[in-house]
N, C-alpha and C. Protein backbone atom coordinates (compact mmCIF):
# COMPACT_ATOMS: atom_id res chain seq x y z
N MET A 1 0.89 -1.46 0.36
CA MET A 1 -0.20 -0.26 -0.10
C MET A 1 0.76 1.25 0.00
N ASN A 2 0.54 2.24 -0.59
CA ASN A 2 1.98 3.10 -0.59
C ASN A 2 0.59 5.07 -0.29
N LEU A 3 1.52 4.98 0.50
CA LEU A 3 1.12 5.71 1.46
C LEU A 3 1.23 7.41 1.16
N LYS A 4 0.87 8.39 0.79
CA LYS A 4 1.53 9.53 0.78
C LYS A 4 1.37 10.64 2.45
N TYR A 5 2.84 10.82 3.05
CA TYR A 5 1.86 11.70 3.93
C TYR A 5 2.51 12.97 4.18
N MET A 6 2.53 13.93 5.18
CA MET A 6 2.45 15.24 5.65
C MET A 6 3.41 15.91 4.39
N ASN A 7 4.09 15.08 4.82
CA ASN A 7 5.48 15.74 4.09
C ASN A 7 5.89 15.49 2.28
N ASN A 8 4.78 14.79 2.54
CA ASN A 8 4.20 14.78 0.42
C ASN A 8 5.51 13.23 -0.02
N THR A 9 6.16 13.32 0.97
CA THR A 9 6.69 11.41 0.20
C THR A 9 6.36 10.88 0.43
N PRO A 10 6.01 9.85 -1.45
CA PRO A 10 5.72 8.64 -1.24
C PRO A 10 6.84 7.63 -0.03
N ILE A 11 5.86 6.69 0.71
CA ILE A 11 6.12 5.81 1.06
C ILE A 11 5.19 4.39 1.33
N SER A 12 5.85 3.35 0.57
CA SER A 12 5.59 2.07 0.64
C SER A 12 5.88 1.36 1.89
N ALA A 13 4.72 1.81 2.67
CA ALA A 13 4.44 1.44 4.45
C ALA A 13 3.16 0.67 4.47
N SER A 14 2.41 0.25 5.30
CA SER A 14 0.36 0.42 6.33
C SER A 14 1.30 0.38 7.15
N PRO A 15 -0.27 0.70 8.09
CA PRO A 15 1.02 1.63 9.69
C PRO A 15 0.63 0.68 10.86
N PRO A 16 0.84 -0.12 10.56
CA PRO A 16 1.40 -1.81 11.48
C PRO A 16 2.82 -1.39 10.87
N ASP A 17 3.10 -1.14 9.83
CA ASP A 17 4.75 -0.79 9.97
C ASP A 17 4.97 -0.15 10.20
N LEU A 18 4.80 1.15 10.55
CA LEU A 18 5.03 2.14 11.33
C LEU A 18 4.97 2.40 12.52
N PHE A 19 4.22 1.63 13.20
CA PHE A 19 4.10 1.09 14.90
C PHE A 19 5.08 -0.24 14.90
N GLU A 20 5.49 -0.76 13.99
CA GLU A 20 6.67 -1.42 14.42
C GLU A 20 8.12 -0.45 14.35
N CYS A 21 7.76 0.03 13.46
CA CYS A 21 9.07 1.09 12.97
C CYS A 21 9.03 1.95 14.39
N ALA A 22 8.16 2.74 15.53
CA ALA A 22 8.13 3.25 15.99
C ALA A 22 9.15 2.61 17.86
N ARG A 23 8.32 0.92 17.42
CA ARG A 23 8.78 -0.24 18.13
C ARG A 23 10.73 0.04 18.03
N THR A 24 10.92 -0.06 17.16
CA THR A 24 12.04 -0.89 16.84
C THR A 24 13.17 0.82 16.75
N GLY A 25 12.33 1.65 16.27
CA GLY A 25 13.36 2.94 16.11
C GLY A 25 14.23 2.51 14.10
N GLU A 26 13.13 2.11 13.22
CA GLU A 26 14.65 1.76 12.23
C GLU A 26 12.98 2.37 11.37
N TYR A 27 13.03 3.44 10.96
CA TYR A 27 12.22 4.32 9.82
C TYR A 27 12.89 4.29 8.95
N PRO A 28 12.06 4.07 7.43
CA PRO A 28 11.92 4.65 6.07
C PRO A 28 12.96 5.75 6.27
N PRO A 29 13.91 6.29 5.02
CA PRO A 29 14.45 7.41 4.63
C PRO A 29 12.55 8.07 4.69
N GLY A 30 12.96 10.01 5.26
CA GLY A 30 12.21 10.53 4.96
C GLY A 30 10.66 10.60 6.32
N ILE A 31 10.61 9.73 6.63
CA ILE A 31 9.48 10.21 7.92
C ILE A 31 9.63 10.59 8.71
N THR A 32 8.44 11.50 9.30
CA THR A 32 8.38 12.23 10.46
C THR A 32 7.99 12.50 11.36
N ALA A 33 8.17 13.68 12.46
CA ALA A 33 6.56 12.81 12.86
C ALA A 33 5.55 13.43 13.26
N SER A 34 5.33 14.10 12.31
CA SER A 34 3.57 14.69 11.21
C SER A 34 3.46 12.79 11.37
N ASP A 35 4.15 12.31 10.62
CA ASP A 35 3.81 11.35 9.70
C ASP A 35 3.22 10.05 11.18
N LEU A 36 3.70 10.35 11.58
CA LEU A 36 3.25 9.24 12.48
C LEU A 36 2.26 9.94 13.73
N ALA A 37 2.51 10.73 13.58
CA ALA A 37 0.86 11.33 14.50
C ALA A 37 -0.49 11.33 13.78
N MET A 38 -0.33 10.88 11.83
CA MET A 38 -1.31 10.71 11.41
C MET A 38 -1.93 8.94 11.55
N ILE A 39 -0.99 8.19 11.80
CA ILE A 39 -1.17 6.64 11.87
C ILE A 39 -2.17 6.30 13.26
N LYS A 40 -3.46 6.26 13.33
CA LYS A 40 -3.29 5.84 14.96
C LYS A 40 -3.73 4.25 15.01
N SER A 41 -3.94 3.27 15.95
CA SER A 41 -4.66 1.87 16.78
C SER A 41 -5.84 2.21 17.56
N GLY A 42 -7.13 1.70 16.73
CA GLY A 42 -7.54 1.73 17.50
C GLY A 42 -8.21 2.76 17.97
N GLY A 43 -9.51 3.28 18.32
CA GLY A 43 -10.05 4.07 18.47
C GLY A 43 -10.71 5.11 19.82
N ASP A 44 -8.92 5.06 20.69
CA ASP A 44 -9.23 5.90 21.43
C ASP A 44 -7.66 7.20 21.19
N GLY A 45 -7.30 6.88 20.17
CA GLY A 45 -6.27 7.82 19.64
C GLY A 45 -5.40 7.63 19.93
N TRP A 46 -4.93 6.54 20.33
CA TRP A 46 -3.47 6.28 20.59
C TRP A 46 -2.71 6.07 19.35
N THR A 47 -1.77 6.88 18.05
CA THR A 47 -0.79 7.24 17.37
C THR A 47 0.73 6.27 17.33
N ALA A 48 0.86 6.13 15.92
CA ALA A 48 2.11 5.73 15.94
C ALA A 48 3.15 5.85 16.68
N LEU A 49 2.81 7.97 16.93
CA LEU A 49 3.86 9.20 17.60
C LEU A 49 3.95 8.73 19.20
N HIS A 50 2.17 8.16 19.99
CA HIS A 50 2.89 7.95 21.36
C HIS A 50 3.51 6.75 21.48
N ALA A 51 3.80 5.50 20.82
CA ALA A 51 4.01 4.63 20.49
C ALA A 51 5.88 5.15 20.35
N ALA A 52 6.10 5.71 19.54
CA ALA A 52 7.69 6.17 19.03
C ALA A 52 8.23 6.44 20.55
N ALA A 53 6.91 7.30 21.55
CA ALA A 53 8.51 8.20 22.49
C ALA A 53 7.64 6.85 23.72
N LYS A 54 6.71 5.97 23.40
CA LYS A 54 6.78 5.10 24.80
C LYS A 54 7.97 4.27 24.33
N SER A 55 8.48 3.93 23.63
CA SER A 55 9.27 3.40 22.91
C SER A 55 11.21 4.16 23.41
N GLY A 56 10.97 5.07 23.19
CA GLY A 56 12.30 6.62 23.01
C GLY A 56 12.96 6.21 21.61
N HIS A 57 12.66 6.02 20.77
CA HIS A 57 12.67 5.93 18.96
C HIS A 57 12.07 6.84 18.50
N LEU A 58 12.25 7.73 19.02
CA LEU A 58 11.79 8.86 18.33
C LEU A 58 12.21 9.77 16.85
N PRO A 59 11.78 9.86 15.76
CA PRO A 59 12.00 9.43 14.69
C PRO A 59 13.04 11.19 14.23
N PRO A 60 13.96 10.64 13.19
CA PRO A 60 14.78 12.61 13.48
C PRO A 60 14.05 13.59 13.31
N GLY A 61 15.12 14.09 13.59
CA GLY A 61 13.78 15.79 14.08
C GLY A 61 12.79 16.24 14.79
N THR A 62 12.54 15.49 15.31
CA THR A 62 10.82 15.42 16.24
C THR A 62 11.23 16.50 17.57
N LYS A 63 11.07 17.80 16.87
CA LYS A 63 10.14 19.02 18.07
C LYS A 63 9.41 19.00 18.99
N THR A 64 9.41 19.49 20.29
CA THR A 64 8.79 19.13 21.40
C THR A 64 6.65 19.61 20.75
N THR A 65 6.91 20.65 20.28
CA THR A 65 6.06 20.58 20.24
C THR A 65 5.01 19.89 18.96
N ASP A 66 5.63 18.60 18.54
CA ASP A 66 5.22 17.44 17.44
C ASP A 66 4.38 16.48 18.38
N LEU A 67 5.44 16.85 19.48
CA LEU A 67 4.83 15.82 21.16
C LEU A 67 3.08 15.69 21.86
N MET A 68 2.39 17.07 21.91
CA MET A 68 2.44 18.16 22.55
C MET A 68 0.79 17.80 21.38
N GLY A 69 0.88 18.06 19.82
CA GLY A 69 0.10 18.28 19.18
C GLY A 69 -1.09 17.24 19.66
N VAL A 70 -0.83 15.90 19.51
CA VAL A 70 -1.65 15.02 19.46
C VAL A 70 -1.87 14.52 20.57
N ARG A 71 -3.37 13.13 20.41
CA ARG A 71 -3.89 13.72 21.89
C ARG A 71 -4.78 12.44 22.13
N THR A 72 -4.74 10.90 23.23
CA THR A 72 -5.73 10.02 22.64
C THR A 72 -7.23 10.97 23.13
N LYS A 73 -8.27 9.73 23.40
CA LYS A 73 -9.76 10.12 23.65
C LYS A 73 -9.23 11.32 25.83
N SER A 74 -8.10 9.92 26.14
CA SER A 74 -7.69 10.74 27.59
C SER A 74 -7.19 12.35 27.92
N GLU A 75 -6.69 12.69 27.11
CA GLU A 75 -5.58 13.62 26.48
C GLU A 75 -4.47 13.08 26.87
N TRP A 76 -3.92 12.38 27.18
CA TRP A 76 -2.80 11.61 26.78
C TRP A 76 -1.74 11.68 25.78
N THR A 77 -0.50 13.09 25.49
CA THR A 77 -0.09 12.99 24.92
C THR A 77 0.87 12.24 24.07
N PRO A 78 2.02 12.46 23.11
CA PRO A 78 3.44 11.20 23.13
C PRO A 78 4.53 12.21 24.69
N LEU A 79 4.20 13.47 24.30
CA LEU A 79 5.33 13.64 25.43
C LEU A 79 4.92 13.54 26.71
N GLN A 80 4.09 13.52 27.08
CA GLN A 80 3.98 12.40 28.48
C GLN A 80 4.02 10.86 28.43
N GLU A 81 4.75 10.24 27.01
CA GLU A 81 4.79 8.99 27.32
C GLU A 81 6.62 9.56 27.10
N ALA A 82 7.07 9.85 26.45
CA ALA A 82 8.53 10.60 26.21
C ALA A 82 8.52 10.67 27.53
N ALA A 83 8.46 11.47 28.87
CA ALA A 83 8.71 12.06 29.89
C ALA A 83 8.65 10.89 31.05
N ILE A 84 8.03 10.07 30.54
CA ILE A 84 7.93 8.25 31.53
C ILE A 84 9.83 8.18 31.31
N ARG A 85 10.35 7.47 30.16
CA ARG A 85 11.62 6.89 29.67
C ARG A 85 12.98 8.23 29.13
N GLY A 86 12.31 9.62 29.66
CA GLY A 86 12.95 10.30 29.79
C GLY A 86 13.92 11.17 28.42
N VAL A 87 13.61 10.60 27.62
CA VAL A 87 13.82 10.18 26.42
C VAL A 87 12.45 11.72 25.59
N TYR A 88 13.65 13.24 24.66
CA TYR A 88 13.24 14.30 25.03
C TYR A 88 13.71 14.94 24.01
N PRO A 89 12.84 15.56 23.14
CA PRO A 89 14.16 16.31 21.47
C PRO A 89 14.97 17.12 22.27
N ASP A 90 15.74 17.44 21.64
CA ASP A 90 16.46 19.05 21.62
C ASP A 90 16.05 20.23 22.39
N ASP A 91 14.91 20.51 22.06
CA ASP A 91 14.29 22.06 22.00
C ASP A 91 13.24 21.86 23.60
N ILE A 92 13.46 20.23 24.44
CA ILE A 92 12.49 20.18 25.05
C ILE A 92 12.62 21.49 26.69
N THR A 93 11.60 22.20 27.33
CA THR A 93 11.63 22.53 28.41
C THR A 93 10.56 22.52 29.19
N ALA A 94 10.56 22.60 30.60
CA ALA A 94 10.00 22.22 31.80
C ALA A 94 8.67 23.57 31.29
N ILE A 95 8.58 24.64 31.04
CA ILE A 95 7.11 25.56 31.04
C ILE A 95 6.29 23.98 29.95
N ALA A 96 7.47 23.77 28.27
CA ALA A 96 6.37 23.12 27.23
C ALA A 96 5.57 21.98 28.32
N MET A 97 6.46 21.18 28.52
CA MET A 97 5.74 20.18 29.71
C MET A 97 4.79 20.12 30.65
N ALA A 98 4.46 21.12 31.29
CA ALA A 98 4.12 22.27 31.85
C ALA A 98 2.96 22.26 31.15
N ALA A 99 2.91 22.86 29.77
CA ALA A 99 1.33 23.21 29.37
C ALA A 99 0.92 22.04 28.56
N THR A 100 1.36 20.95 29.07
CA THR A 100 0.66 19.35 28.18
C THR A 100 0.28 18.88 29.50
N SER A 101 -0.94 18.57 29.51
CA SER A 101 -2.05 17.94 30.75
C SER A 101 -2.80 17.71 29.82
N ASN A 102 -3.53 16.24 30.91
CA ASN A 102 -4.15 15.20 30.35
C ASN A 102 -6.01 15.61 30.63
N SER A 103 -6.62 14.92 30.72
CA SER A 103 -8.39 15.35 31.50
C SER A 103 -8.38 15.72 32.74
N TRP A 104 -7.82 14.71 33.70
CA TRP A 104 -7.50 15.58 35.14
C TRP A 104 -6.73 16.94 35.21
N GLY A 105 -5.64 17.20 34.58
CA GLY A 105 -4.87 18.40 34.81
C GLY A 105 -3.48 17.90 35.00
N TRP A 106 -3.29 16.51 34.81
CA TRP A 106 -1.95 15.72 34.97
C TRP A 106 -1.06 16.50 34.03
N THR A 107 0.30 16.44 33.87
CA THR A 107 0.67 17.78 33.14
C THR A 107 1.81 16.54 32.26
N ALA A 108 2.61 16.49 31.46
CA ALA A 108 3.78 15.79 31.31
C ALA A 108 4.84 16.43 32.74
N LEU A 109 5.33 17.42 33.14
CA LEU A 109 6.03 17.89 33.67
C LEU A 109 5.90 16.69 35.25
N HIS A 110 4.52 16.72 35.41
CA HIS A 110 4.02 15.67 36.91
C HIS A 110 4.44 14.19 36.49
N THR A 111 4.55 13.55 34.86
CA THR A 111 4.78 12.25 35.00
C THR A 111 6.42 12.33 35.01
N ALA A 112 7.29 13.23 34.29
CA ALA A 112 9.06 13.28 34.14
C ALA A 112 9.60 13.57 35.79
N ALA A 113 8.70 14.12 36.66
CA ALA A 113 9.10 14.28 37.70
C ALA A 113 9.05 12.81 38.88
N GLY A 114 7.89 12.25 38.17
CA GLY A 114 7.51 11.19 39.56
C GLY A 114 8.74 10.03 38.53
N ALA A 115 8.98 9.47 37.51
CA ALA A 115 9.92 9.05 37.05
C ALA A 115 11.12 9.14 37.14
N ASN A 116 11.25 10.46 37.34
CA ASN A 116 12.80 11.38 37.89
C ASN A 116 14.25 11.25 36.41
N HIS A 117 12.57 12.55 35.71
CA HIS A 117 13.23 12.65 34.60
C HIS A 117 13.15 13.64 34.21
N LEU A 118 13.75 14.74 34.75
CA LEU A 118 13.14 16.19 34.41
C LEU A 118 14.35 16.24 33.70
N PRO A 119 13.02 17.22 32.67
CA PRO A 119 14.52 17.97 31.44
C PRO A 119 15.43 19.40 32.23
N PRO A 120 16.43 19.13 31.08
CA PRO A 120 17.58 20.09 31.24
C PRO A 120 16.39 21.39 31.93
N GLY A 121 17.65 22.44 32.84
CA GLY A 121 16.79 23.63 33.25
C GLY A 121 15.85 23.93 33.90
N THR A 122 15.08 22.20 34.45
CA THR A 122 14.44 22.40 35.15
C THR A 122 14.49 23.40 36.34
N THR A 123 13.35 24.11 36.62
CA THR A 123 13.27 24.81 38.31
C THR A 123 12.71 24.10 39.62
N LEU A 124 13.34 24.68 40.87
CA LEU A 124 12.38 24.38 41.91
C LEU A 124 11.24 25.13 41.34
N TYR A 125 10.60 26.77 41.08
CA TYR A 125 9.34 26.92 40.65
C TYR A 125 8.75 26.28 39.48
N ASP A 126 8.78 26.13 38.75
CA ASP A 126 8.86 25.34 37.65
C ASP A 126 7.98 23.93 38.54
N LEU A 127 7.64 23.23 38.86
CA LEU A 127 7.96 22.11 40.26
C LEU A 127 6.88 22.55 41.05
N VAL A 128 6.74 23.39 41.96
CA VAL A 128 5.68 23.65 42.67
C VAL A 128 4.50 24.14 41.99
N ASP A 129 4.97 25.36 40.16
CA ASP A 129 3.02 25.41 39.91
C ASP A 129 3.01 24.52 39.93
N HIS A 130 1.63 24.28 38.45
CA HIS A 130 1.11 23.66 37.90
C HIS A 130 0.36 22.54 38.65
N ALA A 131 -0.59 23.07 39.70
CA ALA A 131 -0.84 21.46 40.51
C ALA A 131 -2.85 21.12 39.27
N ASP A 132 -2.68 19.43 39.50
CA ASP A 132 -3.85 18.83 38.77
C ASP A 132 -4.76 18.92 39.32
N ALA A 133 -5.95 18.34 38.92
CA ALA A 133 -7.44 18.32 40.10
C ALA A 133 -7.30 17.83 41.32
N GLY A 134 -6.48 17.24 41.74
CA GLY A 134 -6.13 16.90 43.10
C GLY A 134 -5.32 17.48 43.48
N ASN A 135 -4.85 18.66 43.25
CA ASN A 135 -4.06 19.45 44.00
C ASN A 135 -2.60 19.62 44.12
N ASP A 136 -2.40 18.17 44.02
CA ASP A 136 -0.58 18.00 43.45
C ASP A 136 0.38 18.38 42.76
N THR A 137 0.91 18.86 42.73
CA THR A 137 2.29 19.57 41.59
C THR A 137 3.32 18.30 41.03
N PRO A 138 4.37 19.09 40.03
CA PRO A 138 5.12 18.22 39.99
C PRO A 138 5.81 17.86 40.57
N TYR A 139 6.22 18.74 42.06
CA TYR A 139 7.14 18.92 42.94
C TYR A 139 6.86 17.77 43.91
N ASP A 140 5.02 16.95 44.37
CA ASP A 140 4.47 16.06 45.25
C ASP A 140 4.75 15.03 44.98
N CYS A 141 5.63 14.48 42.87
CA CYS A 141 5.20 14.04 42.25
C CYS A 141 7.01 12.91 42.40
N LEU A 142 8.26 14.16 43.10
CA LEU A 142 9.70 13.54 42.93
C LEU A 142 9.56 12.93 44.17
N PRO A 143 10.67 11.49 44.03
CA PRO A 143 10.88 10.39 44.52
C PRO A 143 11.22 10.96 45.74
N ASP A 144 11.17 10.42 47.39
CA ASP A 144 11.38 10.64 47.94
C ASP A 144 13.04 10.74 48.14
N GLU A 145 14.03 10.18 47.55
CA GLU A 145 15.21 10.06 47.92
C GLU A 145 15.57 10.04 45.98
N MET A 146 15.56 11.38 45.67
CA MET A 146 16.34 11.92 44.88
C MET A 146 17.46 11.23 43.56
N ASP A 147 17.91 11.24 42.32
CA ASP A 147 19.32 10.81 42.33
C ASP A 147 19.99 12.06 42.66
N ARG A 148 21.19 11.58 43.11
CA ARG A 148 21.87 12.94 43.25
C ARG A 148 22.58 14.18 42.75
N SER A 149 22.32 13.28 41.39
CA SER A 149 23.08 14.75 39.92
C SER A 149 21.61 14.95 39.82
N GLN A 150 20.29 14.58 39.95
CA GLN A 150 19.26 15.11 39.99
C GLN A 150 18.54 16.43 40.61
N LEU A 151 19.28 15.72 41.69
CA LEU A 151 18.92 17.34 43.25
C LEU A 151 20.14 18.17 42.92
N LYS A 152 21.52 17.21 42.92
CA LYS A 152 22.70 18.92 42.39
C LYS A 152 21.92 19.82 40.77
N GLY A 153 21.35 19.52 39.96
CA GLY A 153 20.77 20.06 39.17
C GLY A 153 19.60 21.21 39.38
N LEU A 154 18.82 20.56 40.23
CA LEU A 154 17.95 21.29 40.94
C LEU A 154 18.29 22.51 41.69
N LEU A 155 19.42 22.24 42.67
CA LEU A 155 20.19 23.10 42.93
C LEU A 155 21.04 24.41 42.30
N ASP A 156 21.81 23.59 41.35
CA ASP A 156 22.07 24.48 40.43
C ASP A 156 21.71 25.07 39.84
N GLU A 157 20.79 25.08 39.39
CA GLU A 157 19.61 25.72 39.04
C GLU A 157 18.89 27.25 39.47
N ALA A 158 19.12 26.28 41.27
CA ALA A 158 18.15 27.57 41.72
C ALA A 158 19.03 29.12 41.64
N ARG A 159 20.48 29.09 42.39
CA ARG A 159 20.92 30.28 42.10
C ARG A 159 20.59 31.41 42.62
N ALA A 160 19.76 30.86 44.29
CA ALA A 160 19.63 31.92 45.03
C ALA A 160 20.21 32.90 45.09
N THR A 161 19.35 34.10 44.89
CA THR A 161 19.80 35.68 45.29
C THR A 161 20.48 36.40 46.33
N THR A 162 19.06 35.79 47.24
CA THR A 162 18.85 36.03 48.41
C THR A 162 18.60 35.37 49.25
N LEU A 163 18.91 35.51 51.15
CA LEU A 163 18.46 34.36 51.89
C LEU A 163 17.21 33.89 51.80
N ASP A 164 16.27 34.31 51.43
CA ASP A 164 14.99 33.79 51.61
C ASP A 164 14.71 32.23 50.79
N GLU A 165 15.86 32.74 49.64
CA GLU A 165 15.68 32.10 48.49
C GLU A 165 16.34 30.31 48.97
N VAL A 166 17.51 31.23 49.91
CA VAL A 166 17.52 29.64 50.19
C VAL A 166 17.35 29.13 50.83
N LYS A 167 15.95 29.22 51.64
CA LYS A 167 15.68 28.40 52.68
C LYS A 167 14.72 28.37 52.35
N PHE A 168 13.64 28.74 50.86
CA PHE A 168 12.98 28.14 50.25
C PHE A 168 13.40 26.83 49.21
N HIS A 169 14.99 26.71 48.72
CA HIS A 169 14.43 25.82 47.82
C HIS A 169 15.52 24.79 49.26
N GLY A 170 16.11 25.41 49.57
CA GLY A 170 16.70 24.65 51.35
C GLY A 170 15.02 23.47 51.66
N ASP A 171 13.99 24.36 52.62
CA ASP A 171 13.01 23.51 52.51
C ASP A 171 12.53 22.52 52.11
N LEU A 172 12.49 23.16 50.77
CA LEU A 172 11.47 22.18 50.22
C LEU A 172 12.52 20.71 49.58
N LEU A 173 13.75 20.88 49.38
CA LEU A 173 14.97 19.82 49.27
C LEU A 173 15.04 18.88 50.42
N PHE A 174 14.97 19.61 51.38
CA PHE A 174 15.78 18.59 52.36
C PHE A 174 15.12 17.47 52.90
N ARG A 175 13.77 17.30 52.53
CA ARG A 175 13.81 16.16 53.13
C ARG A 175 13.84 15.10 51.86
N LYS A 176 14.86 15.48 50.58
CA LYS A 176 14.42 14.64 49.71
C LYS A 176 16.16 13.89 50.12
N SER A 177 17.52 14.78 50.52
CA SER A 177 18.64 14.54 50.97
C SER A 177 19.06 15.63 52.02
N PRO A 178 18.90 15.02 53.14
CA PRO A 178 19.51 16.30 54.52
C PRO A 178 20.58 16.76 54.23
N ALA A 179 21.80 15.56 54.10
CA ALA A 179 23.26 15.96 54.42
C ALA A 179 23.66 16.61 53.28
N PHE A 180 23.08 16.42 52.13
CA PHE A 180 23.49 16.99 51.08
C PHE A 180 23.34 18.82 50.61
N VAL A 181 21.39 18.68 51.35
CA VAL A 181 20.65 20.00 51.18
C VAL A 181 21.57 20.39 51.94
N THR A 182 22.08 20.62 53.48
CA THR A 182 22.62 21.50 54.26
C THR A 182 23.70 22.18 53.79
N LEU A 183 24.32 21.40 52.91
CA LEU A 183 26.12 21.43 53.19
C LEU A 183 25.64 22.74 51.06
N TRP A 184 24.84 22.34 50.49
CA TRP A 184 24.09 22.96 50.10
C TRP A 184 24.19 24.78 50.49
N MET A 185 23.08 24.51 51.27
CA MET A 185 22.28 26.06 51.68
C MET A 185 23.92 26.30 52.92
N ALA A 186 24.75 25.53 53.10
CA ALA A 186 26.08 26.19 54.18
C ALA A 186 26.49 27.38 53.16
N GLY A 187 26.95 26.63 51.92
CA GLY A 187 27.60 27.67 50.65
C GLY A 187 27.34 28.91 50.07
N GLU A 188 25.26 28.23 49.98
CA GLU A 188 24.71 29.34 49.80
C GLU A 188 24.89 30.72 50.39
N ILE A 189 24.25 30.30 51.86
CA ILE A 189 24.50 31.26 52.82
C ILE A 189 25.66 32.65 52.63
N LYS A 190 27.24 31.55 52.80
CA LYS A 190 28.27 32.14 52.58
C LYS A 190 28.47 32.87 51.71
N ARG A 191 27.79 32.34 50.00
CA ARG A 191 28.39 32.70 49.33
C ARG A 191 27.64 34.13 48.78
N ILE A 192 25.84 34.46 49.76
CA ILE A 192 25.21 35.67 49.79
C ILE A 192 25.78 36.22 50.97
N ASN A 193 25.86 35.93 51.79
CA ASN A 193 26.75 36.82 53.22
C ASN A 193 27.86 38.12 52.34
N ASN A 194 28.80 36.68 51.12
CA ASN A 194 29.81 37.12 51.29
C ASN A 194 30.11 38.58 49.98
N LEU A 195 28.48 38.92 49.34
CA LEU A 195 28.32 39.31 48.74
C LEU A 195 27.94 40.74 49.06
N ALA A 196 27.04 40.02 49.89
CA ALA A 196 26.24 41.20 50.96
C ALA A 196 27.74 42.46 51.31
N TRP A 197 28.57 41.67 51.69
CA TRP A 197 29.95 41.96 52.34
C TRP A 197 29.95 42.96 51.41
N LYS A 198 30.97 42.01 50.09
CA LYS A 198 31.65 43.31 49.08
C LYS A 198 30.78 44.88 48.66
N ARG A 199 29.59 44.80 49.09
CA ARG A 199 28.96 45.53 48.23
C ARG A 199 29.10 46.75 49.47
N PHE A 200 28.33 46.30 50.77
CA PHE A 200 28.63 47.02 51.92
C PHE A 200 30.41 47.72 51.49
N CYS A 201 30.62 46.73 51.39
CA CYS A 201 32.12 47.51 51.45
C CYS A 201 32.53 48.33 50.21
N GLN A 202 32.15 48.50 48.96
CA GLN A 202 32.36 48.79 48.00
C GLN A 202 31.06 50.63 47.84
N ALA A 203 30.14 50.52 48.78
CA ALA A 203 29.53 51.70 49.40
C ALA A 203 29.26 52.40 50.03
N ASN A 204 31.07 52.05 50.58
CA ASN A 204 31.56 52.71 52.45
C ASN A 204 32.98 53.39 51.45
């Protein structure tokens, strides 16, 4: 069967073949995320692009917007599937993930937090916003004992500018790793106090 996809490239493949391609990551030349989004399985809206995100085999050139634009009946997007595995397009942001929610307000950022696959650049401010219908935020979904590199990434992104911000970030993450966060807080307090002292000396 010769199908003509959205990029107008004739490709000899049938819908089941594209689901298999999505599972293995072995795509015919020219296949795009838009092509996979057109191929559905059953009546729930599940597409080959959902399958590609689930398997971690996004086609070349996939953008975040491609993963946000197609939904199942429960409003589940390929981006939420990608969050489970932590396999993202190069242009992924926490803001985009927070803007993609299912029918009960659960965002892709909730999923990413629960799976410990936060996208690069995620901040604690991103995580404490965006409550779902049950009033749970992505922060509430973080594992009780976070991966050390993930925790360090959040604290590095915090880069507090005031002692109040240090306390805010420290209070949130202390239960995730008390010793690590205590050391971070001590370093940040010293840095901010030193900065304040330098400014005082320059002004006098």
